[in-house]
């Protein structure tokens, strides 16, 4: 009897020494350890944080917290969607869908943007931005001008011009001199074909508010520029727009730097 027990013990020890037994034993331990540490992917866990988030979403949409029935319905819908979402991931349905791919890429951008701290630009930064992007903020100059015309075909043109000039310089209203007073508010580009080219060329250089003689191929003119509109507004006028544009550009640059750190972890190779 003693010999039988001793033989059984020796046989058991030999079996335990077998590498294959060690392999299955360790494998079994790893399997149960994984089941213990890593939850079943088909187990959906409802945490207090999730419940609070669902209540917040309901309140944001409806302006009030949900009652018990509404919360139960919202939770049931979330569980339904979560199960389908996980199953879609298990079946890799997201890999070949360009819309899903784009949505995930957008979420990476949004997450990176959330990491960028917000700050107000200094005046120096705004001035530098304005100098580098001036064309985005300036508009074409528009000249509010008026003139009296004295056709060269009229022998008395010189005399009439001198007479009217003396009157307006003395303070008379040009519209009361008995001659047509022509006026418009135009950019240089808009003047082409609408007024004589010599006048169009002179208008940008005329002193503001002063009557000046302009000689054209067809007429003698008495003209003045009353007001100039457009151009580049001041920093203060543009401040809200500049702050928005500067902030957007700075944030996009910071987001790109954050995303680039992720991109650099990957190696791209082409296969023939």
Protein backbone atom coordinates (compact mmCIF):
# COMPACT_ATOMS: atom_id res chain seq x y z
CA UNK A 1 0.00 0.00 0.00
CA UNK A 2 2.86 2.31 0.90
CA UNK A 3 4.63 1.47 -2.33
CA UNK A 4 1.46 2.31 -4.32
CA UNK A 5 1.17 5.72 -2.72
CA UNK A 6 4.85 6.40 -3.31
CA UNK A 7 4.53 5.46 -6.99
CA UNK A 8 1.48 7.68 -7.40
CA UNK A 9 3.32 10.58 -5.79
CA UNK A 10 6.35 10.11 -8.04
CA UNK A 11 4.14 9.93 -11.11
CA UNK A 12 2.35 13.13 -10.08
CA UNK A 13 5.63 14.93 -9.57
CA UNK A 14 6.85 13.84 -12.99
CA UNK A 15 3.67 15.20 -14.57
CA UNK A 16 4.02 18.50 -12.76
CA UNK A 17 7.56 18.82 -14.07
CA UNK A 18 6.41 18.56 -17.70
CA UNK A 19 6.82 21.87 -19.65
CA UNK A 20 3.46 21.38 -21.35
CA UNK A 21 1.76 21.26 -17.96
CA UNK A 22 3.54 24.46 -17.00
CA UNK A 23 2.36 26.08 -20.23
CA UNK A 24 -1.31 25.28 -19.65
CA UNK A 25 -1.07 26.20 -15.98
CA UNK A 26 0.44 29.62 -16.70
CA UNK A 27 -2.00 30.12 -19.56
CA UNK A 28 -4.89 29.39 -17.27
CA UNK A 29 -3.63 31.87 -14.70
CA UNK A 30 -3.26 34.55 -17.37
CA UNK A 31 -6.77 33.86 -18.66
CA UNK A 32 -8.38 34.21 -15.24
CA UNK A 33 -6.20 37.23 -14.43
CA UNK A 34 -7.31 38.94 -17.62
CA UNK A 35 -10.93 38.18 -16.88
CA UNK A 36 -10.40 39.68 -13.44
CA UNK A 37 -8.50 42.81 -14.53
CA UNK A 38 -10.04 43.49 -17.99
CA UNK A 39 -13.84 43.64 -17.95
CA UNK A 40 -15.94 41.83 -20.50
CA UNK A 41 -16.27 44.19 -23.52
CA UNK A 42 -19.96 43.31 -23.63
CA UNK A 43 -20.46 44.49 -20.05
CA UNK A 44 -21.86 48.02 -20.03
CA UNK A 45 -21.16 49.84 -16.78
CA UNK A 46 -23.37 52.73 -15.72
CA UNK A 47 -21.35 55.01 -13.45
CA UNK A 48 -22.56 57.94 -11.31
CA UNK A 49 -20.61 60.23 -13.61
CA UNK A 50 -22.51 58.93 -16.64
CA UNK A 51 -25.84 59.41 -14.90
CA UNK A 52 -24.91 62.98 -14.03
CA UNK A 53 -23.92 63.63 -17.65
CA UNK A 54 -27.22 62.28 -18.96
CA UNK A 55 -29.15 64.51 -16.55
CA UNK A 56 -27.05 67.50 -17.65
CA UNK A 57 -27.78 66.83 -21.31
CA UNK A 58 -31.50 66.57 -20.61
CA UNK A 59 -31.43 69.84 -18.66
CA UNK A 60 -29.54 71.62 -21.44
CA UNK A 61 -32.09 70.51 -24.03
CA UNK A 62 -35.26 71.02 -21.98
CA UNK A 63 -34.39 73.73 -19.50
CA UNK A 64 -35.23 71.54 -16.49
CA UNK A 65 -33.98 68.33 -14.87
CA UNK A 66 -35.64 65.03 -15.91
CA UNK A 67 -38.17 63.27 -13.71
CA UNK A 68 -37.60 59.61 -12.84
CA UNK A 69 -39.44 58.27 -15.89
CA UNK A 70 -37.64 60.64 -18.28
CA UNK A 71 -34.28 59.77 -16.78
CA UNK A 72 -35.02 56.05 -17.04
CA UNK A 73 -35.92 56.50 -20.71
CA UNK A 74 -32.75 58.51 -21.38
CA UNK A 75 -30.63 55.89 -19.64
CA UNK A 76 -32.32 53.09 -21.58
CA UNK A 77 -31.64 54.88 -24.85
CA UNK A 78 -27.99 55.38 -23.90
CA UNK A 79 -27.62 51.67 -23.06
CA UNK A 80 -29.24 50.79 -26.39
CA UNK A 81 -26.89 53.09 -28.33
CA UNK A 82 -23.83 52.00 -26.36
CA UNK A 83 -24.46 48.34 -27.13
CA UNK A 84 -24.84 49.03 -30.84
CA UNK A 85 -21.78 51.30 -30.84
CA UNK A 86 -19.59 48.65 -29.23
CA UNK A 87 -20.83 45.95 -31.56
CA UNK A 88 -20.10 48.18 -34.55
CA UNK A 89 -16.56 48.63 -33.22
CA UNK A 90 -16.17 44.86 -32.74
CA UNK A 91 -17.20 44.35 -36.37
CA UNK A 92 -14.84 47.19 -37.48
CA UNK A 93 -17.67 49.06 -39.19
CA UNK A 94 -15.89 52.33 -38.52
CA UNK A 95 -12.84 51.49 -40.62
CA UNK A 96 -14.35 51.77 -44.08
CA UNK A 97 -16.77 54.63 -43.45
CA UNK A 98 -15.39 58.00 -44.54
CA UNK A 99 -18.04 59.87 -42.52
CA UNK A 100 -17.07 58.07 -39.31
CA UNK A 101 -13.39 58.62 -40.11
CA UNK A 102 -13.95 62.34 -40.61
CA UNK A 103 -15.97 62.59 -37.40
CA UNK A 104 -13.18 60.95 -35.39
CA UNK A 105 -10.53 63.18 -36.98
CA UNK A 106 -12.69 66.20 -36.09
CA UNK A 107 -12.90 64.98 -32.52
CA UNK A 108 -9.11 64.78 -32.37
CA UNK A 109 -8.98 68.41 -33.55
CA UNK A 110 -11.61 69.41 -30.98
CA UNK A 111 -9.76 67.65 -28.17
CA UNK A 112 -6.52 69.36 -29.13
CA UNK A 113 -8.29 72.73 -29.27
CA UNK A 114 -9.58 72.16 -25.74
CA UNK A 115 -5.98 71.88 -24.54
CA UNK A 116 -5.03 75.31 -25.90
CA UNK A 117 -5.29 78.01 -23.20
CA UNK A 118 -7.22 81.13 -24.12
CA UNK A 119 -5.68 84.56 -23.79
CA UNK A 120 -6.25 88.09 -25.03
CA UNK A 121 -3.76 89.49 -27.55
CA UNK A 122 -1.72 92.56 -26.73
CA UNK A 123 -2.00 95.73 -28.79
CA UNK A 124 1.43 95.00 -30.24
CA UNK A 125 0.28 91.58 -31.39
CA UNK A 126 -2.86 93.05 -32.94
CA UNK A 127 -0.86 95.75 -34.68
CA UNK A 128 1.54 93.15 -36.04
CA UNK A 129 -1.37 91.00 -37.24
CA UNK A 130 -2.99 93.99 -38.92
CA UNK A 131 0.24 94.89 -40.67
CA UNK A 132 0.65 91.36 -42.02
CA UNK A 133 -2.99 91.02 -43.13
CA UNK A 134 -3.84 94.58 -44.07
CA UNK A 135 -5.54 93.64 -47.33
CA UNK A 136 -8.18 91.67 -45.41
CA UNK A 137 -9.43 94.76 -43.58
CA UNK A 138 -9.07 97.68 -45.95
CA UNK A 139 -11.72 98.62 -48.49
CA UNK A 140 -11.23 100.60 -51.73
CA UNK A 141 -11.17 104.34 -51.24
CA UNK A 142 -14.39 106.04 -52.36
CA UNK A 143 -14.29 109.74 -53.20
CA UNK A 144 -17.31 111.95 -52.59
CA UNK A 145 -16.70 114.71 -55.16
CA UNK A 146 -18.51 117.38 -57.16
CA UNK A 147 -17.64 119.63 -60.05
CA UNK A 148 -18.80 122.38 -62.37
CA UNK A 149 -18.05 121.91 -66.08
CA UNK A 150 -17.27 124.62 -68.62
CA UNK A 151 -17.12 123.13 -72.14
CA UNK A 152 -14.13 124.31 -74.15
CA UNK A 153 -16.44 124.73 -77.12
CA UNK A 154 -17.90 127.76 -75.30
CA UNK A 155 -15.79 130.88 -76.02
CA UNK A 156 -16.71 132.26 -72.60
CA UNK A 157 -15.56 129.14 -70.75
CA UNK A 158 -12.47 130.76 -69.21
CA UNK A 159 -14.44 133.83 -68.12
CA UNK A 160 -17.28 131.78 -66.61
CA UNK A 161 -14.81 129.52 -64.81
CA UNK A 162 -13.00 132.47 -63.24
CA UNK A 163 -16.30 134.05 -62.19
CA UNK A 164 -17.62 130.89 -60.52
CA UNK A 165 -14.26 130.21 -58.90
CA UNK A 166 -14.22 133.59 -57.22
CA UNK A 167 -17.76 133.09 -55.98
CA UNK A 168 -17.21 129.63 -54.43
CA UNK A 169 -13.93 130.76 -52.88
CA UNK A 170 -15.88 133.61 -51.32
CA UNK A 171 -18.23 131.08 -49.75
CA UNK A 172 -21.06 130.86 -52.27
CA UNK A 173 -22.93 127.58 -52.59
CA UNK A 174 -21.88 126.00 -55.89
CA UNK A 175 -25.41 124.75 -56.50
CA UNK A 176 -26.72 128.32 -56.52
CA UNK A 177 -24.54 129.59 -59.36
CA UNK A 178 -26.96 128.70 -62.14
CA UNK A 179 -24.84 125.89 -63.56
CA UNK A 180 -25.31 122.11 -63.24
CA UNK A 181 -23.41 120.81 -60.20
CA UNK A 182 -22.42 117.19 -60.87
CA UNK A 183 -21.50 114.92 -58.00
CA UNK A 184 -20.92 111.28 -57.15
CA UNK A 185 -19.25 108.95 -54.66
CA UNK A 186 -17.02 106.53 -56.56
CA UNK A 187 -13.87 104.48 -56.25
CA UNK A 188 -11.11 105.01 -58.78
CA UNK A 189 -12.15 101.80 -60.53
CA UNK A 190 -15.77 102.96 -60.69
CA UNK A 191 -14.82 106.29 -62.24
CA UNK A 192 -13.61 104.62 -65.42
CA UNK A 193 -16.02 105.42 -68.27
CA UNK A 194 -18.24 107.57 -66.04
CA UNK A 195 -16.21 110.79 -65.88
CA UNK A 196 -13.46 112.22 -68.02
CA UNK A 197 -10.15 110.37 -67.50
CA UNK A 198 -8.21 113.54 -66.63
CA UNK A 199 -10.63 114.25 -63.78
CA UNK A 200 -10.50 110.64 -62.59
CA UNK A 201 -6.71 110.85 -62.49
CA UNK A 202 -6.74 114.11 -60.49
CA UNK A 203 -9.41 113.32 -57.92
CA UNK A 204 -7.24 111.15 -55.60
CA UNK A 205 -4.70 113.99 -55.26
CA UNK A 206 -7.14 116.90 -54.79
CA UNK A 207 -6.92 118.63 -51.37
CA UNK A 208 -9.92 117.69 -49.29
CA UNK A 209 -12.66 120.33 -49.36
CA UNK A 210 -10.83 122.75 -51.68
CA UNK A 211 -12.04 123.81 -55.13
CA UNK A 212 -9.43 123.18 -57.80
CA UNK A 213 -9.21 123.77 -61.56
CA UNK A 214 -8.95 120.64 -63.69
CA UNK A 215 -8.24 120.85 -67.41
CA UNK A 216 -9.54 117.99 -69.60
CA UNK A 217 -9.59 117.43 -73.33
CA UNK A 218 -13.19 118.61 -73.54
CA UNK A 219 -13.79 120.87 -70.54
CA UNK A 220 -12.51 123.24 -67.96
CA UNK A 221 -13.62 121.99 -64.57
CA UNK A 222 -13.93 123.39 -61.11
CA UNK A 223 -13.86 120.38 -58.79
CA UNK A 224 -13.49 119.47 -55.16
CA UNK A 225 -13.44 116.30 -53.04
CA UNK A 226 -15.78 116.62 -50.07
CA UNK A 227 -14.99 113.35 -48.30
CA UNK A 228 -12.96 110.17 -48.68
CA UNK A 229 -14.45 106.91 -47.44
CA UNK A 230 -12.94 103.46 -47.02
CA UNK A 231 -9.29 102.55 -46.72
CA UNK A 232 -7.89 100.94 -43.60
CA UNK A 233 -9.88 101.58 -40.40
CA UNK A 234 -8.07 102.30 -37.16
CA UNK A 235 -6.98 99.60 -34.72
CA UNK A 236 -9.77 100.52 -32.32
CA UNK A 237 -12.42 100.32 -35.04
CA UNK A 238 -11.16 96.89 -36.05
CA UNK A 239 -10.38 95.57 -32.56
CA UNK A 240 -13.26 93.03 -32.17
CA UNK A 241 -12.62 91.59 -35.62
CA UNK A 242 -8.85 91.56 -35.14
CA UNK A 243 -9.11 89.81 -31.78
CA UNK A 244 -11.37 87.12 -33.29
CA UNK A 245 -9.15 86.55 -36.32
CA UNK A 246 -5.90 86.58 -34.31
CA UNK A 247 -7.30 84.20 -31.69
CA UNK A 248 -8.52 81.77 -34.34
CA UNK A 249 -5.17 81.74 -36.14
CA UNK A 250 -3.15 81.30 -32.93
CA UNK A 251 -5.43 78.52 -31.76
CA UNK A 252 -5.19 76.71 -35.10
CA UNK A 253 -1.40 76.90 -35.01
CA UNK A 254 -1.34 75.51 -31.46
CA UNK A 255 -3.77 72.71 -32.38
CA UNK A 256 -1.61 71.76 -35.35
CA UNK A 257 1.47 71.53 -33.11
CA UNK A 258 -0.39 69.28 -30.67
CA UNK A 259 -1.68 67.02 -33.45
CA UNK A 260 1.74 66.89 -35.08
CA UNK A 261 3.16 65.25 -31.97
CA UNK A 262 0.64 62.43 -32.45
CA UNK A 263 1.25 62.20 -36.19
CA UNK A 264 5.00 61.87 -35.66
CA UNK A 265 4.45 58.64 -33.72
CA UNK A 266 3.38 56.94 -36.93
CA UNK A 267 5.46 55.69 -39.79
CA UNK A 268 4.01 55.72 -43.30
CA UNK A 269 5.16 53.14 -45.80
CA UNK A 270 4.01 52.30 -49.31
CA UNK A 271 3.61 48.77 -50.51
CA UNK A 272 3.94 47.88 -54.19
